[in-house]
Amino acid sequence: MNGTKEKKAVWLKRFLNIGGMVAVTALLTWTYFCNPIDKKNYLFGDFEAVSEALVVGPIVAEHEGMEDPSVYGIGYYHGNTGDTSSYWTDTWSLYRGRTEYLTDDQYENGYGKAGDSLVFSANMYTREYYVPGNVLVFADGTQAEIKEAWEQENHLYVTVDAEGLNEARNGSLMQVHVQDAQGEALPQGSFSEYPSQYGLQGRVFQVLARLFPYESAVTWLHLATAGALAVVITGILWLLNKKYGSLMAVVFGLVFWLSPWVVQFARNLYWVEFTWFLPMLFGLWCSIWPDSRRVRLISCLGVFASVFLKSACGYEFITTVMMGSILFLLADAAVCLTRREWKAFRRILMNIFVIGIAALLGFAAALCMHADIRADGNVLEGLRSIYENNFLERAFGGDPDNFPDSERESLEASVGETLVKYFRFDTHLIVGVGGGAFLWLIGLAAAAVVAGMWLNRRSRAGTEYLRLAYLLLFAFLTSISWFVLGKAHSYIHTHLNFVMWYFGFVQLILYIPIKAVWDGVRKVIKKQAEQV
């Protein structure tokens, strides 16, 4: 009878654990997909559309009948859409159905009120095909030869040999086709590849998009990407609960749930944020079972695959992503070294070494694959090209004279100047906690771990605070690694790179003071209970 009750209790516990994980995953997916809580995060709807257009570009190109537009997985599609800002929005506007043609005193939806002029977005396609001598064919069949074409403030203006043109009679300019002087139809779009990375996400999403109606494919892909991040974060929270307890899991979960930075990136098809935290998931798993060869092997394979996946989708933040895979192992090793537990230290150090090698191999594999297509099969030449044209521009060591003037300031800036930028949050840390609290929380967390180690120096709790001190230190180094090694990128991408603080550091500066207070309350309660 007792055995039956124990089995039922075990199954009930498993059911509640699985149900809880499903609920957390669903909540995070909803948040990452819809941003229903943080109304101050007003950028969420169109966050990084410029980057996402690179992924949508191949989908649109395929829909428009262009086959294999690029050897790279991502790039911009250009058509005659009338967005009035810059070339990248053509892809975004076309795919989302938000075409906007110029309307002002002289034009209405791109049609000149005089009836013989038109205005389009200036982009690679319109510059190439909307030239004098070519013929525009409107939706109602009207044809008009282009007489003049000139560019001004991201618009391409044309005059034609026709009169009385207007949207009501001739249809939307989005339906215009172009022919050459001999009447041969010209392409309806053009594609410019993006050679700075392999673009694996573009290839994958192009295939997945075929499973959905064209008009709603981006929405479904957003949902899938948000869900993937939610699954990864839920896995991390489960492992944190197993290793450090429920309080840490709850605080980390709240930060991942309520951070405006994590939420903004979550569903973006270019950034595929779930790839950032996959290495951390495998490294954390290895830190829980450091003696298991099976766990070590799977963790190494997982870190290799996930770092490869991240690198093939872009090199941004790669130092922080890779250090995230050994963050918890580093803290464990430091504790063992401090306590002179040599056997455990050597074992954990071996895990750090093999996982670090796996991460480097994953990065190298993606880099070589990129280099192969960068130089048509000559990997060494491709690596040289990537180093000279991408690394030197985005990291450090680049000569400002070799790059556009817009990059000069970032290339000449020092690491110190770059770091200073990232200690001044202009957003809240999480919903309800302003960015101005960042420095205060760092100081409070540092004071709490020092006090915790001192007050509990003769008890097991002292080791817990020692581990937290090392976690805080290594989380800090993990976060700033990209600010340092990706200095030029970080200097000018402050609208993106604050998210690096969320690889454990913001979570810890919130968790440590909360834990200190909670431990103090428990001691008081325990002392009162003993007196009674």
Foldseek 3Di string as FASTA:
>chain_A
DVVVVVVVVVVVVVVVVVVVLVVLLVLQLCCLQPVPDDPVLVCQVCQPVLLLQFLLAVLVCVVLPHPCQDQALTWHKAFFFADQAAGSCRSVCVQQVNGAHDDDPQDDLQAGPQFFKGKTFDDPVCVVFVAAQKWKAFPVGDIWGWHHWDDDNRMIMTGTPDGDDDCVPRNHPLRIWMGGNVRHTDRRIHIDHDLLFRAPLSVVLSVVLVVDPSNCSLSVQLSVLSSLLSSLLSLVLVLCCVVPNNLLSVLLSQLCSFFSQNSSQRRRSLQSVSLLCQLLSLLSQCLVVLPDPVSLVVSLVSLLQSLLVNRNSHCALSLLSLLSNCLLLQLVLVLCVVVVVVVVNVSSVVSVVSSSVSNVNSNVVRLQVSLCVCVVHPSVVSNVCSCQPPQCQQFEDHDCVVDDVVLNVQHPDALVVLVVLLLQDPAASGVPHRSVCSVVLVVLLLVLLVVQLVVQVPHPSNSVSSSLNSSLVSLVCSLCVCCHRRVSNSNPVVVRSNCSNSSCNVSSSVSSNVVSVVVVVVVVVVVVVVVD
